[in-house]
Amino acid sequence: MTTENKPLHVVVMGVSGSGKTTVGEMLAEQLGLPYYDGDDLHPQANIDKMAQGIPLTDEDRWPWLTLVGEWLAERPAGGVIGCSALKRSYRDAIRAASPGVSFVHVHGAKELLRERMEHRPGHFMPASLLDSQFATLEELDEDEVGQVFDVADTPDRIVEAAALWLKR
């Protein structure tokens, strides 16, 4: 899908457990765009580190963020990707590869997200890293194209609101 003849490139961002994959998949379907889980672009060393409860450093993230931006740039018709994009500098790195990207920030109370993380099967990210993710998170700045959506809402409501916002 495009708006005003421009392709939609969307990053569904947020800390672990915020529903990036669920919302991203549903949003991509709603918009008629491909979806990719940015976690699948992490090198094995990053996954191993997080699985051990060790937070990633900026140096760990830069190559991964480059791949996220490249994935979007390689889709001239548009695409949706899930990526934590916790810091402004991380979002800047994505924008460097894919100018015009929009950020859908799924966000909510730490207690709710911890509960979700503790009950999701088969994910490499332990709930113990949630505090470090919140400590790293920098809210979207006014000059960034992005909108925050509360994860206390259902995924259907988040997707409906995000799709409406993106089409404006």
N, C-alpha and C. Protein backbone atom coordinates (compact mmCIF):
# COMPACT_ATOMS: atom_id res chain seq x y z
N MET A 1 0.84 -1.18 0.00
CA MET A 1 0.00 0.00 0.00
C MET A 1 0.88 1.23 0.00
N THR A 2 0.39 2.24 -0.65
CA THR A 2 1.09 3.51 -0.67
C THR A 2 0.13 4.60 -0.25
N THR A 3 0.69 5.68 0.23
CA THR A 3 -0.11 6.86 0.53
C THR A 3 0.46 7.98 -0.30
N GLU A 4 -0.43 8.73 -0.94
CA GLU A 4 -0.01 9.85 -1.79
C GLU A 4 1.07 9.40 -2.77
N ASN A 5 0.93 8.20 -3.31
CA ASN A 5 1.86 7.62 -4.27
C ASN A 5 3.25 7.37 -3.69
N LYS A 6 3.37 7.37 -2.38
CA LYS A 6 4.63 7.03 -1.72
C LYS A 6 4.46 5.67 -1.06
N PRO A 7 5.48 4.83 -1.14
CA PRO A 7 5.36 3.54 -0.46
C PRO A 7 5.36 3.71 1.06
N LEU A 8 4.68 2.82 1.75
CA LEU A 8 4.67 2.82 3.21
C LEU A 8 5.76 1.89 3.71
N HIS A 9 6.72 2.44 4.42
CA HIS A 9 7.74 1.66 5.10
C HIS A 9 7.52 1.89 6.59
N VAL A 10 7.22 0.81 7.31
CA VAL A 10 6.79 0.91 8.70
C VAL A 10 7.65 0.03 9.59
N VAL A 11 8.10 0.59 10.70
CA VAL A 11 8.74 -0.18 11.76
C VAL A 11 7.77 -0.22 12.93
N VAL A 12 7.40 -1.43 13.34
CA VAL A 12 6.62 -1.61 14.56
C VAL A 12 7.65 -1.77 15.67
N MET A 13 7.73 -0.78 16.54
CA MET A 13 8.81 -0.71 17.53
C MET A 13 8.28 -0.86 18.95
N GLY A 14 9.19 -1.19 19.85
CA GLY A 14 8.85 -1.28 21.26
C GLY A 14 9.76 -2.27 21.96
N VAL A 15 9.65 -2.29 23.27
CA VAL A 15 10.46 -3.22 24.05
C VAL A 15 9.95 -4.64 23.83
N SER A 16 10.72 -5.59 24.27
CA SER A 16 10.33 -6.99 24.15
C SER A 16 9.02 -7.24 24.90
N GLY A 17 8.17 -8.05 24.31
CA GLY A 17 6.90 -8.38 24.93
C GLY A 17 5.78 -7.42 24.61
N SER A 18 6.06 -6.38 23.81
CA SER A 18 5.04 -5.36 23.52
C SER A 18 4.08 -5.76 22.41
N GLY A 19 4.37 -6.85 21.73
CA GLY A 19 3.46 -7.32 20.67
C GLY A 19 3.86 -6.88 19.28
N LYS A 20 5.15 -6.59 19.09
CA LYS A 20 5.60 -6.12 17.77
C LYS A 20 5.26 -7.12 16.67
N THR A 21 5.49 -8.39 16.91
CA THR A 21 5.24 -9.40 15.88
C THR A 21 3.76 -9.54 15.60
N THR A 22 2.96 -9.66 16.64
CA THR A 22 1.51 -9.80 16.45
C THR A 22 0.94 -8.60 15.71
N VAL A 23 1.24 -7.41 16.21
CA VAL A 23 0.72 -6.19 15.58
C VAL A 23 1.31 -6.03 14.18
N GLY A 24 2.60 -6.29 14.03
CA GLY A 24 3.25 -6.14 12.73
C GLY A 24 2.65 -7.04 11.67
N GLU A 25 2.44 -8.31 12.00
CA GLU A 25 1.84 -9.24 11.04
C GLU A 25 0.43 -8.80 10.65
N MET A 26 -0.36 -8.42 11.64
CA MET A 26 -1.74 -8.00 11.37
C MET A 26 -1.78 -6.69 10.58
N LEU A 27 -0.90 -5.76 10.93
CA LEU A 27 -0.86 -4.47 10.25
C LEU A 27 -0.43 -4.65 8.80
N ALA A 28 0.57 -5.47 8.57
CA ALA A 28 1.03 -5.73 7.20
C ALA A 28 -0.11 -6.32 6.36
N GLU A 29 -0.83 -7.26 6.95
CA GLU A 29 -1.96 -7.85 6.22
C GLU A 29 -3.01 -6.79 5.91
N GLN A 30 -3.32 -5.96 6.89
CA GLN A 30 -4.31 -4.89 6.71
C GLN A 30 -3.90 -3.93 5.59
N LEU A 31 -2.58 -3.66 5.51
CA LEU A 31 -2.08 -2.71 4.52
C LEU A 31 -1.71 -3.36 3.19
N GLY A 32 -1.75 -4.69 3.13
CA GLY A 32 -1.37 -5.39 1.90
C GLY A 32 0.12 -5.34 1.62
N LEU A 33 0.92 -5.38 2.69
CA LEU A 33 2.37 -5.29 2.58
C LEU A 33 3.04 -6.52 3.17
N PRO A 34 4.27 -6.81 2.76
CA PRO A 34 4.99 -7.92 3.39
C PRO A 34 5.43 -7.54 4.81
N TYR A 35 5.54 -8.56 5.66
CA TYR A 35 6.01 -8.37 7.03
C TYR A 35 7.25 -9.22 7.25
N TYR A 36 8.16 -8.69 8.08
CA TYR A 36 9.34 -9.46 8.48
C TYR A 36 9.62 -9.17 9.94
N ASP A 37 9.96 -10.21 10.68
CA ASP A 37 10.33 -10.06 12.08
C ASP A 37 11.81 -9.72 12.15
N GLY A 38 12.12 -8.51 12.57
CA GLY A 38 13.50 -8.06 12.62
C GLY A 38 14.39 -8.92 13.50
N ASP A 39 13.81 -9.62 14.48
CA ASP A 39 14.61 -10.53 15.31
C ASP A 39 15.32 -11.57 14.45
N ASP A 40 14.72 -11.93 13.32
CA ASP A 40 15.32 -12.94 12.44
C ASP A 40 16.56 -12.43 11.72
N LEU A 41 16.84 -11.13 11.82
CA LEU A 41 18.04 -10.55 11.22
C LEU A 41 19.22 -10.48 12.19
N HIS A 42 18.95 -10.76 13.47
CA HIS A 42 20.03 -10.75 14.46
C HIS A 42 21.04 -11.84 14.15
N PRO A 43 22.34 -11.54 14.27
CA PRO A 43 23.33 -12.61 14.17
C PRO A 43 23.19 -13.55 15.38
N GLN A 44 23.62 -14.78 15.22
CA GLN A 44 23.49 -15.76 16.29
C GLN A 44 24.15 -15.29 17.58
N ALA A 45 25.26 -14.55 17.47
CA ALA A 45 25.95 -14.06 18.67
C ALA A 45 25.03 -13.15 19.50
N ASN A 46 24.23 -12.32 18.85
CA ASN A 46 23.29 -11.46 19.58
C ASN A 46 22.22 -12.30 20.26
N ILE A 47 21.68 -13.27 19.55
CA ILE A 47 20.64 -14.13 20.12
C ILE A 47 21.19 -14.89 21.32
N ASP A 48 22.40 -15.42 21.19
CA ASP A 48 23.02 -16.16 22.29
C ASP A 48 23.21 -15.25 23.50
N LYS A 49 23.64 -14.04 23.26
CA LYS A 49 23.88 -13.09 24.34
C LYS A 49 22.57 -12.79 25.08
N MET A 50 21.52 -12.47 24.33
CA MET A 50 20.24 -12.16 24.95
C MET A 50 19.66 -13.38 25.68
N ALA A 51 19.80 -14.56 25.09
CA ALA A 51 19.30 -15.78 25.72
C ALA A 51 19.96 -16.03 27.06
N GLN A 52 21.19 -15.54 27.22
CA GLN A 52 21.92 -15.67 28.49
C GLN A 52 21.57 -14.55 29.47
N GLY A 53 20.67 -13.65 29.06
CA GLY A 53 20.26 -12.56 29.93
C GLY A 53 21.21 -11.38 29.90
N ILE A 54 22.04 -11.29 28.86
CA ILE A 54 23.01 -10.20 28.73
C ILE A 54 22.46 -9.18 27.73
N PRO A 55 22.28 -7.93 28.18
CA PRO A 55 21.77 -6.91 27.26
C PRO A 55 22.75 -6.64 26.12
N LEU A 56 22.20 -6.34 24.94
CA LEU A 56 23.05 -5.97 23.82
C LEU A 56 23.62 -4.57 24.02
N THR A 57 24.80 -4.35 23.48
CA THR A 57 25.40 -3.02 23.46
C THR A 57 25.07 -2.35 22.13
N ASP A 58 25.34 -1.07 22.04
CA ASP A 58 25.14 -0.38 20.77
C ASP A 58 25.96 -1.06 19.67
N GLU A 59 27.19 -1.45 20.01
CA GLU A 59 28.05 -2.11 19.01
C GLU A 59 27.44 -3.40 18.51
N ASP A 60 26.74 -4.12 19.39
CA ASP A 60 26.05 -5.34 18.97
C ASP A 60 24.91 -5.02 18.00
N ARG A 61 24.27 -3.89 18.21
CA ARG A 61 23.05 -3.56 17.47
C ARG A 61 23.30 -2.95 16.09
N TRP A 62 24.40 -2.20 15.90
CA TRP A 62 24.58 -1.46 14.64
C TRP A 62 24.45 -2.33 13.40
N PRO A 63 25.14 -3.47 13.29
CA PRO A 63 24.99 -4.28 12.07
C PRO A 63 23.55 -4.75 11.87
N TRP A 64 22.88 -5.09 12.96
CA TRP A 64 21.50 -5.54 12.89
C TRP A 64 20.58 -4.41 12.41
N LEU A 65 20.76 -3.21 12.95
CA LEU A 65 19.93 -2.07 12.54
C LEU A 65 20.14 -1.74 11.07
N THR A 66 21.36 -1.89 10.59
CA THR A 66 21.63 -1.69 9.17
C THR A 66 20.82 -2.66 8.34
N LEU A 67 20.76 -3.92 8.76
CA LEU A 67 19.98 -4.94 8.04
C LEU A 67 18.49 -4.61 8.06
N VAL A 68 18.00 -4.10 9.18
CA VAL A 68 16.59 -3.71 9.28
C VAL A 68 16.28 -2.63 8.25
N GLY A 69 17.11 -1.59 8.21
CA GLY A 69 16.91 -0.50 7.24
C GLY A 69 17.02 -0.99 5.81
N GLU A 70 17.97 -1.88 5.55
CA GLU A 70 18.15 -2.43 4.20
C GLU A 70 16.94 -3.26 3.78
N TRP A 71 16.37 -4.03 4.73
CA TRP A 71 15.19 -4.83 4.39
C TRP A 71 14.08 -3.92 3.89
N LEU A 72 13.86 -2.80 4.59
CA LEU A 72 12.82 -1.86 4.15
C LEU A 72 13.19 -1.24 2.80
N ALA A 73 14.44 -0.82 2.64
CA ALA A 73 14.87 -0.17 1.40
C ALA A 73 14.75 -1.09 0.19
N GLU A 74 14.88 -2.39 0.43
CA GLU A 74 14.78 -3.37 -0.66
C GLU A 74 13.34 -3.66 -1.07
N ARG A 75 12.37 -2.98 -0.45
CA ARG A 75 10.96 -3.15 -0.79
C ARG A 75 10.39 -1.84 -1.27
N PRO A 76 10.62 -1.52 -2.55
CA PRO A 76 10.17 -0.22 -3.06
C PRO A 76 8.66 -0.02 -2.98
N ALA A 77 7.89 -1.12 -2.94
CA ALA A 77 6.44 -0.99 -2.83
C ALA A 77 5.99 -0.86 -1.38
N GLY A 78 6.92 -0.98 -0.43
CA GLY A 78 6.58 -0.84 0.98
C GLY A 78 6.74 -2.14 1.74
N GLY A 79 6.75 -2.03 3.07
CA GLY A 79 6.88 -3.19 3.93
C GLY A 79 6.76 -2.79 5.39
N VAL A 80 6.53 -3.80 6.22
CA VAL A 80 6.40 -3.62 7.66
C VAL A 80 7.40 -4.56 8.32
N ILE A 81 8.18 -4.04 9.27
CA ILE A 81 9.15 -4.86 9.97
C ILE A 81 9.05 -4.58 11.47
N GLY A 82 9.20 -5.62 12.26
CA GLY A 82 9.24 -5.48 13.71
C GLY A 82 10.68 -5.29 14.16
N CYS A 83 10.93 -4.26 14.95
CA CYS A 83 12.28 -3.95 15.44
C CYS A 83 12.14 -3.08 16.68
N SER A 84 12.87 -3.40 17.72
CA SER A 84 12.74 -2.63 18.96
C SER A 84 12.98 -1.14 18.76
N ALA A 85 14.00 -0.76 17.97
CA ALA A 85 14.27 0.65 17.66
C ALA A 85 14.19 1.54 18.90
N LEU A 86 14.86 1.12 19.97
CA LEU A 86 14.68 1.75 21.26
C LEU A 86 15.23 3.16 21.38
N LYS A 87 16.33 3.47 20.69
CA LYS A 87 16.94 4.80 20.80
C LYS A 87 16.73 5.60 19.52
N ARG A 88 16.78 6.91 19.68
CA ARG A 88 16.70 7.80 18.53
C ARG A 88 17.81 7.47 17.53
N SER A 89 19.02 7.22 18.01
CA SER A 89 20.13 6.91 17.10
C SER A 89 19.87 5.62 16.32
N TYR A 90 19.18 4.67 16.92
CA TYR A 90 18.83 3.43 16.21
C TYR A 90 17.83 3.73 15.10
N ARG A 91 16.85 4.56 15.43
CA ARG A 91 15.85 4.93 14.42
C ARG A 91 16.49 5.75 13.32
N ASP A 92 17.47 6.60 13.68
CA ASP A 92 18.21 7.36 12.67
C ASP A 92 18.95 6.42 11.72
N ALA A 93 19.53 5.35 12.25
CA ALA A 93 20.24 4.37 11.41
C ALA A 93 19.28 3.70 10.44
N ILE A 94 18.10 3.39 10.89
CA ILE A 94 17.09 2.78 10.01
C ILE A 94 16.67 3.79 8.95
N ARG A 95 16.44 5.05 9.36
CA ARG A 95 16.05 6.10 8.42
C ARG A 95 17.14 6.38 7.39
N ALA A 96 18.41 6.20 7.77
CA ALA A 96 19.50 6.42 6.82
C ALA A 96 19.39 5.47 5.64
N ALA A 97 18.94 4.25 5.89
CA ALA A 97 18.79 3.27 4.82
C ALA A 97 17.42 3.38 4.14
N SER A 98 16.42 3.81 4.90
CA SER A 98 15.05 3.89 4.39
C SER A 98 14.41 5.21 4.82
N PRO A 99 14.75 6.30 4.12
CA PRO A 99 14.16 7.60 4.48
C PRO A 99 12.64 7.54 4.37
N GLY A 100 11.98 8.27 5.23
CA GLY A 100 10.52 8.31 5.17
C GLY A 100 9.83 7.22 5.95
N VAL A 101 10.58 6.42 6.69
CA VAL A 101 9.97 5.34 7.46
C VAL A 101 9.09 5.92 8.57
N SER A 102 8.00 5.22 8.85
CA SER A 102 7.08 5.60 9.93
C SER A 102 7.23 4.58 11.05
N PHE A 103 7.13 5.05 12.29
CA PHE A 103 7.29 4.18 13.45
C PHE A 103 5.97 4.03 14.20
N VAL A 104 5.53 2.80 14.35
CA VAL A 104 4.36 2.46 15.15
C VAL A 104 4.91 1.90 16.46
N HIS A 105 4.83 2.71 17.52
CA HIS A 105 5.41 2.33 18.80
C HIS A 105 4.33 1.68 19.67
N VAL A 106 4.45 0.36 19.86
CA VAL A 106 3.54 -0.35 20.75
C VAL A 106 4.18 -0.32 22.14
N HIS A 107 3.46 0.26 23.10
CA HIS A 107 4.05 0.56 24.40
C HIS A 107 3.01 0.34 25.50
N GLY A 108 3.50 0.01 26.68
CA GLY A 108 2.59 -0.17 27.80
C GLY A 108 3.33 -0.29 29.11
N ALA A 109 2.58 -0.61 30.14
CA ALA A 109 3.11 -0.73 31.49
C ALA A 109 4.11 -1.89 31.58
N LYS A 110 5.18 -1.64 32.29
CA LYS A 110 6.23 -2.66 32.44
C LYS A 110 5.68 -3.95 33.06
N GLU A 111 4.77 -3.83 34.01
CA GLU A 111 4.21 -5.01 34.68
C GLU A 111 3.43 -5.88 33.69
N LEU A 112 2.66 -5.27 32.83
CA LEU A 112 1.90 -6.01 31.82
C LEU A 112 2.85 -6.71 30.85
N LEU A 113 3.88 -6.01 30.42
CA LEU A 113 4.82 -6.60 29.47
C LEU A 113 5.63 -7.74 30.11
N ARG A 114 6.00 -7.57 31.37
CA ARG A 114 6.73 -8.64 32.07
C ARG A 114 5.85 -9.89 32.15
N GLU A 115 4.59 -9.70 32.48
CA GLU A 115 3.64 -10.82 32.56
C GLU A 115 3.57 -11.55 31.21
N ARG A 116 3.47 -10.80 30.14
CA ARG A 116 3.42 -11.40 28.80
C ARG A 116 4.69 -12.18 28.50
N MET A 117 5.83 -11.59 28.83
CA MET A 117 7.11 -12.24 28.53
C MET A 117 7.27 -13.54 29.31
N GLU A 118 6.80 -13.54 30.55
CA GLU A 118 6.95 -14.72 31.39
C GLU A 118 6.08 -15.88 30.92
N HIS A 119 5.09 -15.59 30.09
CA HIS A 119 4.17 -16.64 29.65
C HIS A 119 4.20 -16.91 28.15
N ARG A 120 5.20 -16.39 27.45
CA ARG A 120 5.27 -16.70 26.02
C ARG A 120 6.31 -17.81 25.81
N PRO A 121 5.91 -18.81 25.08
CA PRO A 121 6.81 -19.96 24.89
C PRO A 121 7.81 -19.74 23.76
N GLY A 122 9.00 -20.29 23.93
CA GLY A 122 9.95 -20.41 22.84
C GLY A 122 10.65 -19.16 22.36
N HIS A 123 10.62 -18.08 23.11
CA HIS A 123 11.33 -16.87 22.68
C HIS A 123 12.65 -16.77 23.42
N PHE A 124 13.69 -16.33 22.72
CA PHE A 124 15.03 -16.28 23.30
C PHE A 124 15.21 -15.18 24.34
N MET A 125 14.36 -14.17 24.32
CA MET A 125 14.53 -13.01 25.20
C MET A 125 13.89 -13.27 26.56
N PRO A 126 14.71 -13.34 27.63
CA PRO A 126 14.13 -13.55 28.96
C PRO A 126 13.53 -12.27 29.52
N ALA A 127 12.54 -12.43 30.40
CA ALA A 127 11.89 -11.28 31.04
C ALA A 127 12.88 -10.47 31.86
N SER A 128 13.99 -11.06 32.25
CA SER A 128 14.99 -10.34 33.05
C SER A 128 15.61 -9.17 32.29
N LEU A 129 15.51 -9.15 30.96
CA LEU A 129 16.08 -8.05 30.18
C LEU A 129 15.11 -6.88 29.98
N LEU A 130 13.90 -7.02 30.47
CA LEU A 130 12.91 -5.96 30.26
C LEU A 130 13.35 -4.64 30.90
N ASP A 131 13.91 -4.70 32.10
CA ASP A 131 14.36 -3.47 32.76
C ASP A 131 15.41 -2.74 31.92
N SER A 132 16.35 -3.50 31.35
CA SER A 132 17.39 -2.85 30.53
C SER A 132 16.79 -2.26 29.26
N GLN A 133 15.75 -2.90 28.72
CA GLN A 133 15.11 -2.34 27.53
C GLN A 133 14.39 -1.03 27.87
N PHE A 134 13.69 -0.99 28.99
CA PHE A 134 13.03 0.25 29.40
C PHE A 134 14.06 1.34 29.69
N ALA A 135 15.20 0.97 30.26
CA ALA A 135 16.24 1.95 30.55
C ALA A 135 16.83 2.53 29.26
N THR A 136 16.88 1.73 28.21
CA THR A 136 17.43 2.15 26.92
C THR A 136 16.42 2.96 26.11
N LEU A 137 15.13 2.69 26.28
CA LEU A 137 14.08 3.29 25.46
C LEU A 137 14.09 4.81 25.51
N GLU A 138 14.13 5.41 24.33
CA GLU A 138 13.96 6.85 24.18
C GLU A 138 12.67 7.07 23.40
N GLU A 139 11.78 7.83 23.97
CA GLU A 139 10.50 8.10 23.32
C GLU A 139 10.72 8.77 21.97
N LEU A 140 9.76 8.62 21.07
CA LEU A 140 9.82 9.29 19.79
C LEU A 140 9.87 10.80 20.00
N ASP A 141 10.72 11.46 19.23
CA ASP A 141 10.80 12.92 19.28
C ASP A 141 9.72 13.51 18.36
N GLU A 142 9.40 14.77 18.60
CA GLU A 142 8.35 15.44 17.83
C GLU A 142 8.66 15.47 16.33
N ASP A 143 9.94 15.47 15.96
CA ASP A 143 10.29 15.54 14.54
C ASP A 143 10.36 14.16 13.88
N GLU A 144 10.06 13.11 14.63
CA GLU A 144 10.05 11.77 14.06
C GLU A 144 8.62 11.41 13.63
N VAL A 145 8.51 10.72 12.49
CA VAL A 145 7.21 10.27 12.03
C VAL A 145 6.87 9.00 12.79
N GLY A 146 6.02 9.16 13.79
CA GLY A 146 5.69 8.02 14.63
C GLY A 146 4.51 8.31 15.52
N GLN A 147 3.95 7.24 16.02
CA GLN A 147 2.78 7.34 16.89
C GLN A 147 2.86 6.22 17.92
N VAL A 148 2.44 6.50 19.15
CA VAL A 148 2.45 5.51 20.23
C VAL A 148 1.05 4.91 20.36
N PHE A 149 1.02 3.58 20.51
CA PHE A 149 -0.23 2.85 20.67
C PHE A 149 -0.13 2.00 21.94
N ASP A 150 -1.15 2.06 22.78
CA ASP A 150 -1.14 1.40 24.09
C ASP A 150 -1.45 -0.10 23.94
N VAL A 151 -0.53 -0.93 24.46
CA VAL A 151 -0.69 -2.38 24.35
C VAL A 151 -1.78 -2.92 25.26
N ALA A 152 -2.37 -2.07 26.10
CA ALA A 152 -3.52 -2.51 26.89
C ALA A 152 -4.73 -2.72 25.97
N ASP A 153 -4.72 -2.06 24.80
CA ASP A 153 -5.76 -2.30 23.80
C ASP A 153 -5.53 -3.66 23.14
N THR A 154 -6.54 -4.18 22.50
CA THR A 154 -6.40 -5.45 21.78
C THR A 154 -5.57 -5.22 20.53
N PRO A 155 -4.90 -6.25 20.04
CA PRO A 155 -4.18 -6.10 18.77
C PRO A 155 -5.07 -5.58 17.64
N ASP A 156 -6.31 -6.03 17.58
CA ASP A 156 -7.22 -5.56 16.53
C ASP A 156 -7.41 -4.05 16.60
N ARG A 157 -7.60 -3.53 17.81
CA ARG A 157 -7.82 -2.08 17.97
C ARG A 157 -6.55 -1.30 17.64
N ILE A 158 -5.38 -1.85 18.06
CA ILE A 158 -4.12 -1.18 17.76
C ILE A 158 -3.91 -1.12 16.25
N VAL A 159 -4.14 -2.24 15.58
CA VAL A 159 -3.95 -2.29 14.12
C VAL A 159 -4.91 -1.35 13.41
N GLU A 160 -6.16 -1.32 13.84
CA GLU A 160 -7.14 -0.42 13.23
C GLU A 160 -6.69 1.03 13.37
N ALA A 161 -6.26 1.41 14.58
CA ALA A 161 -5.83 2.79 14.81
C ALA A 161 -4.54 3.10 14.06
N ALA A 162 -3.61 2.16 14.04
CA ALA A 162 -2.33 2.38 13.36
C ALA A 162 -2.54 2.51 11.85
N ALA A 163 -3.36 1.65 11.28
CA ALA A 163 -3.63 1.71 9.84
C ALA A 163 -4.29 3.04 9.47
N LEU A 164 -5.22 3.48 10.29
CA LEU A 164 -5.88 4.77 10.04
C LEU A 164 -4.86 5.90 10.10
N TRP A 165 -3.98 5.89 11.12
CA TRP A 165 -2.95 6.91 11.24
C TRP A 165 -2.01 6.89 10.04
N LEU A 166 -1.58 5.71 9.63
CA LEU A 166 -0.62 5.59 8.51
C LEU A 166 -1.23 6.04 7.19
N LYS A 167 -2.51 5.87 7.01
CA LYS A 167 -3.17 6.23 5.74
C LYS A 167 -3.41 7.74 5.65
N ARG A 168 -3.26 8.46 6.72
CA ARG A 168 -3.48 9.92 6.71
C ARG A 168 -2.39 10.64 5.99
